[in-house]
C-alpha atoms as a PDB file:
ATOM      1  CA  MET A   1      95.884  63.905 -95.607  1.00  0.00           C
ATOM      2  CA  LEU A   2      96.605  60.182 -95.982  1.00  0.00           C
ATOM      3  CA  THR A   3      93.405  59.683 -97.950  1.00  0.00           C
ATOM      4  CA  ALA A   4      94.179  62.462-100.444  1.00  0.00           C
ATOM      5  CA  GLY A   5      95.882  60.165-102.980  1.00  0.00           C
ATOM      6  CA  PRO A   6      93.221  57.441-103.078  1.00  0.00           C
ATOM      7  CA  PHE A   7      90.352  59.931-103.108  1.00  0.00           C
ATOM      8  CA  ALA A   8      92.008  62.077-105.800  1.00  0.00           C
ATOM      9  CA  SER A   9      92.160  58.974-108.000  1.00  0.00           C
ATOM     10  CA  ILE A  10      88.490  58.243-107.368  1.00  0.00           C
ATOM     11  CA  VAL A  11      87.542  61.856-108.150  1.00  0.00           C
ATOM     12  CA  GLY A  12      89.498  61.697-111.427  1.00  0.00           C
ATOM     13  CA  VAL A  13      87.793  58.475-112.496  1.00  0.00           C
ATOM     14  CA  VAL A  14      84.327  59.725-111.488  1.00  0.00           C
ATOM     15  CA  LEU A  15      84.948  63.014-113.330  1.00  0.00           C
ATOM     16  CA  GLY A  16      85.895  61.019-116.431  1.00  0.00           C
ATOM     17  CA  LEU A  17      82.733  58.921-116.161  1.00  0.00           C
ATOM     18  CA  VAL A  18      80.588  62.046-115.689  1.00  0.00           C
ATOM     19  CA  LEU A  19      82.149  63.707-118.754  1.00  0.00           C
ATOM     20  CA  MET A  20      81.629  60.541-120.758  1.00  0.00           C
ATOM     21  CA  ARG A  21      78.034  60.054-119.693  1.00  0.00           C
ATOM     22  CA  TRP A  22      76.500  63.545-119.607  1.00  0.00           C
ATOM     23  CA  ASN A  23      78.549  65.726-121.939  1.00  0.00           C
ATOM     24  CA  ARG A  24      77.142  66.374-125.411  1.00  0.00           C
ATOM     25  CA  ILE A  25      80.453  67.072-127.171  1.00  0.00           C
ATOM     26  CA  PRO A  26      81.918  63.840-128.635  1.00  0.00           C
ATOM     27  CA  SER A  27      85.551  64.814-128.060  1.00  0.00           C
ATOM     28  CA  THR A  28      84.852  65.652-124.407  1.00  0.00           C
ATOM     29  CA  LYS A  29      83.076  62.306-124.007  1.00  0.00           C
ATOM     30  CA  GLN A  30      86.175  60.561-125.403  1.00  0.00           C
ATOM     31  CA  ILE A  31      88.504  62.482-123.074  1.00  0.00           C
ATOM     32  CA  GLY A  32      86.293  61.496-120.156  1.00  0.00           C
ATOM     33  CA  LEU A  33      86.316  57.856-121.215  1.00  0.00           C
ATOM     34  CA  VAL A  34      90.109  57.857-121.527  1.00  0.00           C
ATOM     35  CA  MET A  35      90.436  59.438-118.067  1.00  0.00           C
ATOM     36  CA  ALA A  36      88.045  56.918-116.539  1.00  0.00           C
ATOM     37  CA  LEU A  37      89.492  53.823-118.217  1.00  0.00           C
ATOM     38  CA  ILE A  38      93.179  54.588-117.670  1.00  0.00           C
ATOM     39  CA  GLY A  39      92.656  55.799-114.118  1.00  0.00           C
ATOM     40  CA  SER A  40      90.460  52.872-113.124  1.00  0.00           C
ATOM     41  CA  LEU A  41      92.711  50.286-114.817  1.00  0.00           C
ATOM     42  CA  LEU A  42      95.876  51.595-113.172  1.00  0.00           C
ATOM     43  CA  MET A  43      94.265  51.913-109.757  1.00  0.00           C
ATOM     44  CA  SER A  44      92.594  48.488-110.021  1.00  0.00           C
ATOM     45  CA  GLN A  45      96.002  46.954-110.625  1.00  0.00           C
ATOM     46  CA  TYR A  46      97.439  49.000-107.773  1.00  0.00           C
ATOM     47  CA  TYR A  47      94.869  47.705-105.302  1.00  0.00           C
ATOM     48  CA  LEU A  48      94.980  44.142-106.611  1.00  0.00           C
ATOM     49  CA  ARG A  49      98.681  44.023-105.811  1.00  0.00           C
ATOM     50  CA  GLY A  50      98.093  46.000-102.618  1.00  0.00           C
ATOM     51  CA  PHE A  51      97.920  42.906-100.448  1.00  0.00           C
ATOM     52  CA  SER A  52     101.633  42.308-100.991  1.00  0.00           C
ATOM     53  CA  ARG A  53     102.607  45.946-100.374  1.00  0.00           C
ATOM     54  CA  MET A  54     103.642  47.178 -96.974  1.00  0.00           C
ATOM     55  CA  GLY A  55     103.651  50.959 -97.103  1.00  0.00           C
ATOM     56  CA  GLY A  56     101.867  53.774 -98.806  1.00  0.00           C
ATOM     57  CA  ASP A  57      98.945  55.917 -97.744  1.00  0.00           C
ATOM     58  CA  GLU A  58      96.637  52.950 -97.189  1.00  0.00           C
ATOM     59  CA  TYR A  59      99.104  51.205 -94.873  1.00  0.00           C
ATOM     60  CA  PHE A  60      99.591  54.281 -92.702  1.00  0.00           C
ATOM     61  CA  LEU A  61      95.856  55.011 -92.682  1.00  0.00           C
ATOM     62  CA  ALA A  62      95.066  51.442 -91.611  1.00  0.00           C
ATOM     63  CA  TYR A  63      97.749  51.596 -88.941  1.00  0.00           C
ATOM     64  CA  ASN A  64      96.379  54.875 -87.561  1.00  0.00           C
ATOM     65  CA  LEU A  65      92.814  53.515 -87.570  1.00  0.00           C
ATOM     66  CA  GLY A  66      93.918  50.212 -86.031  1.00  0.00           C
ATOM     67  CA  ILE A  67      92.390  48.087 -88.793  1.00  0.00           C
ATOM     68  CA  PRO A  68      93.860  45.618 -91.294  1.00  0.00           C
ATOM     69  CA  LYS A  69      95.020  47.208 -94.553  1.00  0.00           C
ATOM     70  CA  TYR A  70      92.765  44.988 -96.638  1.00  0.00           C
ATOM     71  CA  LEU A  71      89.730  46.778 -95.166  1.00  0.00           C
ATOM     72  CA  ILE A  72      90.936  49.827 -97.060  1.00  0.00           C
ATOM     73  CA  ASP A  73      92.325  48.073-100.154  1.00  0.00           C
ATOM     74  CA  ILE A  74      89.214  46.004-100.930  1.00  0.00           C
ATOM     75  CA  PRO A  75      86.635  48.846-101.090  1.00  0.00           C
ATOM     76  CA  PHE A  76      88.948  51.107-103.102  1.00  0.00           C
ATOM     77  CA  GLY A  77      89.854  48.244-105.440  1.00  0.00           C
ATOM     78  CA  LEU A  78      86.188  47.361-105.968  1.00  0.00           C
ATOM     79  CA  ILE A  79      85.308  50.978-106.761  1.00  0.00           C
ATOM     80  CA  PHE A  80      87.976  51.105-109.478  1.00  0.00           C
ATOM     81  CA  ILE A  81      87.094  47.679-110.902  1.00  0.00           C
ATOM     82  CA  ILE A  82      83.409  48.659-111.119  1.00  0.00           C
ATOM     83  CA  ALA A  83      84.323  51.965-112.768  1.00  0.00           C
ATOM     84  CA  PHE A  84      86.483  50.138-115.326  1.00  0.00           C
ATOM     85  CA  ILE A  85      83.722  47.632-116.120  1.00  0.00           C
ATOM     86  CA  PHE A  86      81.187  50.454-116.468  1.00  0.00           C
ATOM     87  CA  GLY A  87      83.531  52.416-118.745  1.00  0.00           C
ATOM     88  CA  VAL A  88      84.025  49.424-121.032  1.00  0.00           C
ATOM     89  CA  TRP A  89      80.359  48.436-120.893  1.00  0.00           C
ATOM     90  CA  VAL A  90      79.068  51.740-122.296  1.00  0.00           C
ATOM     91  CA  LEU A  91      80.960  51.242-125.549  1.00  0.00           C
ATOM     92  CA  ASP A  92      78.708  50.182-128.442  1.00  0.00           C
ATOM     93  CA  ASN A  93      79.942  46.744-129.422  1.00  0.00           C
ATOM     94  CA  TRP A  94      82.682  44.215-128.781  1.00  0.00           C
ATOM     95  CA  ARG A  95      84.861  45.465-131.653  1.00  0.00           C
ATOM     96  CA  THR A  96      84.857  48.976-130.219  1.00  0.00           C
ATOM     97  CA  ARG A  97      85.517  47.610-126.737  1.00  0.00           C
ATOM     98  CA  ILE A  98      88.511  45.608-127.956  1.00  0.00           C
ATOM     99  CA  LYS A  99      89.940  48.643-129.786  1.00  0.00           C
ATOM    100  CA  TRP A 100      89.564  50.851-126.705  1.00  0.00           C
ATOM    101  CA  LEU A 101      91.007  48.175-124.423  1.00  0.00           C
ATOM    102  CA  GLY A 102      93.995  47.799-126.744  1.00  0.00           C
ATOM    103  CA  ALA A 103      94.623  51.535-126.726  1.00  0.00           C
ATOM    104  CA  ILE A 104      94.178  51.748-122.956  1.00  0.00           C
ATOM    105  CA  MET A 105      96.570  48.831-122.389  1.00  0.00           C
ATOM    106  CA  LEU A 106      99.161  50.419-124.670  1.00  0.00           C
ATOM    107  CA  GLY A 107      98.782  53.700-122.801  1.00  0.00           C
ATOM    108  CA  SER A 108      98.615  52.354-119.271  1.00  0.00           C
ATOM    109  CA  ILE A 109     101.626  50.025-119.303  1.00  0.00           C
ATOM    110  CA  PRO A 110     104.194  52.776-120.000  1.00  0.00           C
ATOM    111  CA  THR A 111     102.282  55.103-117.673  1.00  0.00           C
ATOM    112  CA  GLY A 112     102.423  52.556-114.862  1.00  0.00           C
ATOM    113  CA  LEU A 113     106.130  51.919-115.347  1.00  0.00           C
ATOM    114  CA  PHE A 114     106.815  55.662-115.441  1.00  0.00           C
ATOM    115  CA  LEU A 115     104.769  56.262-112.283  1.00  0.00           C
ATOM    116  CA  ILE A 116     106.593  53.514-110.375  1.00  0.00           C
ATOM    117  CA  LYS A 117     109.979  55.027-111.214  1.00  0.00           C
ATOM    118  CA  ALA A 118     108.828  58.616-110.755  1.00  0.00           C
ATOM    119  CA  ASN A 119     107.232  57.834-107.382  1.00  0.00           C
ATOM    120  CA  ALA A 120     110.472  56.327-106.060  1.00  0.00           C
ATOM    121  CA  LEU A 121     112.475  59.325-107.300  1.00  0.00           C
ATOM    122  CA  ILE A 122     110.057  61.897-105.881  1.00  0.00           C
ATOM    123  CA  LEU A 123     109.868  60.158-102.487  1.00  0.00           C
ATOM    124  CA  ALA A 124     113.660  59.970-102.305  1.00  0.00           C
ATOM    125  CA  GLN A 125     114.003  63.675-103.136  1.00  0.00           C
ATOM    126  CA  VAL A 126     111.300  64.656-100.629  1.00  0.00           C
ATOM    127  CA  ASN A 127     113.102  62.639 -97.937  1.00  0.00           C
ATOM    128  CA  LEU A 128     116.385  64.344 -98.863  1.00  0.00           C
ATOM    129  CA  GLU A 129     114.573  67.688 -98.420  1.00  0.00           C
ATOM    130  CA  ASN A 130     115.433  68.846-101.935  1.00  0.00           C
ATOM    131  CA  PRO A 131     113.952  72.372-102.215  1.00  0.00           C
ATOM    132  CA  LEU A 132     112.489  71.639-105.668  1.00  0.00           C
ATOM    133  CA  PHE A 133     110.472  68.780-104.179  1.00  0.00           C
ATOM    134  CA  ARG A 134     108.990  70.596-101.187  1.00  0.00           C
ATOM    135  CA  PRO A 135     105.224  70.344-100.950  1.00  0.00           C
ATOM    136  CA  LEU A 136     103.185  73.040-102.637  1.00  0.00           C
ATOM    137  CA  LEU A 137      99.467  72.747-101.826  1.00  0.00           C
ATOM    138  CA  GLY A 138     100.089  69.130-100.830  1.00  0.00           C
ATOM    139  CA  TRP A 139     101.980  68.134-103.991  1.00  0.00           C
ATOM    140  CA  SER A 140     105.620  68.332-104.918  1.00  0.00           C
ATOM    141  CA  LEU A 141     106.643  70.671-107.732  1.00  0.00           C
ATOM    142  CA  PRO A 142     107.356  67.893-110.303  1.00  0.00           C
ATOM    143  CA  VAL A 143     103.869  66.449-109.726  1.00  0.00           C
ATOM    144  CA  ILE A 144     102.297  69.874-110.288  1.00  0.00           C
ATOM    145  CA  ILE A 145     104.341  70.374-113.474  1.00  0.00           C
ATOM    146  CA  VAL A 146     103.284  66.985-114.872  1.00  0.00           C
ATOM    147  CA  ASP A 147      99.639  67.667-113.971  1.00  0.00           C
ATOM    148  CA  VAL A 148      99.732  71.064-115.700  1.00  0.00           C
ATOM    149  CA  ILE A 149     101.298  69.526-118.820  1.00  0.00           C
ATOM    150  CA  ILE A 150      98.668  66.761-118.917  1.00  0.00           C
ATOM    151  CA  CYS A 151      95.849  69.295-118.507  1.00  0.00           C
ATOM    152  CA  MET A 152      97.307  71.436-121.298  1.00  0.00           C
ATOM    153  CA  LEU A 153      97.597  68.407-123.600  1.00  0.00           C
ATOM    154  CA  LEU A 154      94.004  67.374-122.856  1.00  0.00           C
ATOM    155  CA  TRP A 155      92.850  70.926-123.524  1.00  0.00           C
ATOM    156  CA  MET A 156      94.772  70.998-126.844  1.00  0.00           C
ATOM    157  CA  TRP A 157      93.250  67.617-127.803  1.00  0.00           C
ATOM    158  CA  TRP A 158      89.787  68.934-126.971  1.00  0.00           C
ATOM    159  CA  LYS A 159      90.301  72.163-128.949  1.00  0.00           C
ATOM    160  CA  ARG A 160      91.709  70.309-131.959  1.00  0.00           C
ATOM    161  CA  ALA A 161      88.947  67.692-131.939  1.00  0.00           C
ATOM    162  CA  ASN A 162      86.253  70.366-131.667  1.00  0.00           C
ATOM    163  CA  SER A 163      87.750  72.430-134.490  1.00  0.00           C
ATOM    164  CA  THR A 164      87.510  69.451-136.856  1.00  0.00           C
ATOM    165  CA  LEU A 165      83.857  68.701-136.038  1.00  0.00           C
ATOM    166  CA  PRO A 166      81.364  69.708-138.693  1.00  0.00           C
ATOM    167  CA  HIS A 167      79.257  72.639-137.554  1.00  0.00           C
ATOM    168  CA  ARG A 168      75.575  71.890-137.149  1.00  0.00           C
ATOM    169  CA  ALA A 169      72.976  74.043-138.822  1.00  0.00           C
ATOM    170  CA  GLN A 170      71.048  76.019-136.226  1.00  0.00           C
END
């Protein structure tokens, strides 16, 4: 169970890269690229600062395996850094890359700050055994609500973007 968080992040980034690479619908490719870039940027930063962190899933996993934490942090960090580089590299030219990086930076900074605060609040409420924060399928209720809202917003973005595409002649 301790590896669920890190592997869920990897699955999200890989899913984004797969959507970006092999989907034929432009809006779905863009959604995949956003998922891959934001997820890999946030998690790269998380693992780069991981050497100064004592705690979290990686710390407990390393402790249970009897290995240093950096043996977990380094491979995960490299996976996310490579995914980020690949996501940026597939963009056409440097102007496009700079525009996407600007948008990703603007989106990831508030997201990161929100996640830091939300994580502390959720952990505190779980430790206080607040009934609204009890695990449901491995996640607390607020995490499930946020995930559902994000999925709905992505779906609405996809529907709206596809409705504005010109229809091709068959």
